[in-house]
């Protein structure tokens, strides 16, 4: 007969798990300044334009899959840029 290891930390199904301390409340992050939000939105517009150029060139070149991927990338960057302005 063997004795159980004392280093075994797996909980037994018959014993309740030790309750962890509740997480500390997190303070909401401060809003970014307007100039920073505008700068990030301008960067997002530039990247969206690049994705749009890629999408257009792909469609003209007969690559519809690449065109759709470029268009989706453009929409995603525009969405994030808009959220940066609105939510800050």
Protein backbone atom coordinates (compact mmCIF):
# COMPACT_ATOMS: atom_id res chain seq x y z
CA UNK A 1 0.00 0.00 0.00
CA UNK A 2 1.34 3.43 -0.92
CA UNK A 3 0.76 6.76 0.73
CA UNK A 4 -0.43 9.74 -1.30
CA UNK A 5 2.14 12.40 -2.15
CA UNK A 6 1.79 15.59 -0.14
CA UNK A 7 2.95 17.64 -3.17
CA UNK A 8 -0.09 16.62 -5.19
CA UNK A 9 -2.14 19.78 -5.71
CA UNK A 10 -4.96 18.37 -7.80
CA UNK A 11 -8.24 18.82 -5.96
CA UNK A 12 -10.15 15.77 -4.92
CA UNK A 13 -13.68 15.50 -6.33
CA UNK A 14 -14.97 15.07 -2.79
CA UNK A 15 -13.28 18.18 -1.40
CA UNK A 16 -14.43 21.69 -2.35
CA UNK A 17 -11.90 23.84 -4.18
CA UNK A 18 -10.25 26.57 -2.15
CA UNK A 19 -11.95 29.87 -2.78
CA UNK A 20 -9.71 32.43 -4.40
CA UNK A 21 -9.66 36.03 -3.26
CA UNK A 22 -11.97 38.24 -5.34
CA UNK A 23 -10.13 40.29 -7.95
CA UNK A 24 -9.35 43.87 -7.08
CA UNK A 25 -11.57 46.43 -8.82
CA UNK A 26 -9.94 47.97 -11.88
CA UNK A 27 -10.25 51.71 -12.43
CA UNK A 28 -11.48 52.68 -15.91
CA UNK A 29 -8.77 53.92 -18.24
CA UNK A 30 -8.60 57.64 -18.90
CA UNK A 31 -9.78 58.87 -22.30
CA UNK A 32 -7.10 59.75 -24.80
CA UNK A 33 -6.69 63.42 -25.69
CA UNK A 34 -8.51 64.60 -28.81
CA UNK A 35 -5.29 65.30 -30.73
CA UNK A 36 -4.11 61.74 -30.13
CA UNK A 37 -7.44 60.29 -31.24
CA UNK A 38 -7.38 62.42 -34.39
CA UNK A 39 -3.82 61.32 -35.16
CA UNK A 40 -4.73 57.66 -34.79
CA UNK A 41 -7.78 58.16 -36.99
CA UNK A 42 -5.62 59.75 -39.71
CA UNK A 43 -3.23 56.79 -39.56
CA UNK A 44 -6.22 54.43 -39.83
CA UNK A 45 -7.48 56.33 -42.88
CA UNK A 46 -4.08 55.99 -44.53
CA UNK A 47 -3.99 52.25 -43.91
CA UNK A 48 -7.56 51.87 -45.10
CA UNK A 49 -6.62 53.67 -48.32
CA UNK A 50 -3.75 51.23 -48.85
CA UNK A 51 -6.06 48.28 -48.30
CA UNK A 52 -8.54 49.83 -50.74
CA UNK A 53 -5.81 50.19 -53.38
CA UNK A 54 -4.84 46.56 -52.86
CA UNK A 55 -8.47 45.47 -53.18
CA UNK A 56 -9.02 47.50 -56.33
CA UNK A 57 -5.82 46.28 -57.96
CA UNK A 58 -6.67 42.69 -57.09
CA UNK A 59 -10.14 42.93 -58.61
CA UNK A 60 -8.77 44.57 -61.77
CA UNK A 61 -6.07 41.90 -61.98
CA UNK A 62 -8.59 39.06 -61.81
CA UNK A 63 -7.93 37.97 -58.20
CA UNK A 64 -11.34 38.19 -56.51
CA UNK A 65 -10.27 36.37 -53.34
CA UNK A 66 -7.41 38.80 -52.73
CA UNK A 67 -9.76 41.66 -53.58
CA UNK A 68 -12.30 40.53 -51.00
CA UNK A 69 -9.56 40.12 -48.40
CA UNK A 70 -8.28 43.63 -49.12
CA UNK A 71 -11.79 45.06 -48.89
CA UNK A 72 -12.38 43.31 -45.57
CA UNK A 73 -9.08 44.67 -44.28
CA UNK A 74 -10.12 48.16 -45.35
CA UNK A 75 -13.46 47.87 -43.56
CA UNK A 76 -11.85 46.55 -40.39
CA UNK A 77 -9.32 49.39 -40.27
CA UNK A 78 -12.07 51.97 -40.87
CA UNK A 79 -14.13 50.40 -38.09
CA UNK A 80 -11.27 50.54 -35.59
CA UNK A 81 -10.42 54.10 -36.61
CA UNK A 82 -14.03 55.14 -36.04
CA UNK A 83 -14.09 53.43 -32.65
CA UNK A 84 -10.91 55.27 -31.70
CA UNK A 85 -12.61 58.58 -32.39
CA UNK A 86 -15.90 57.73 -30.74
CA UNK A 87 -14.81 55.84 -27.62
CA UNK A 88 -11.38 57.35 -27.15
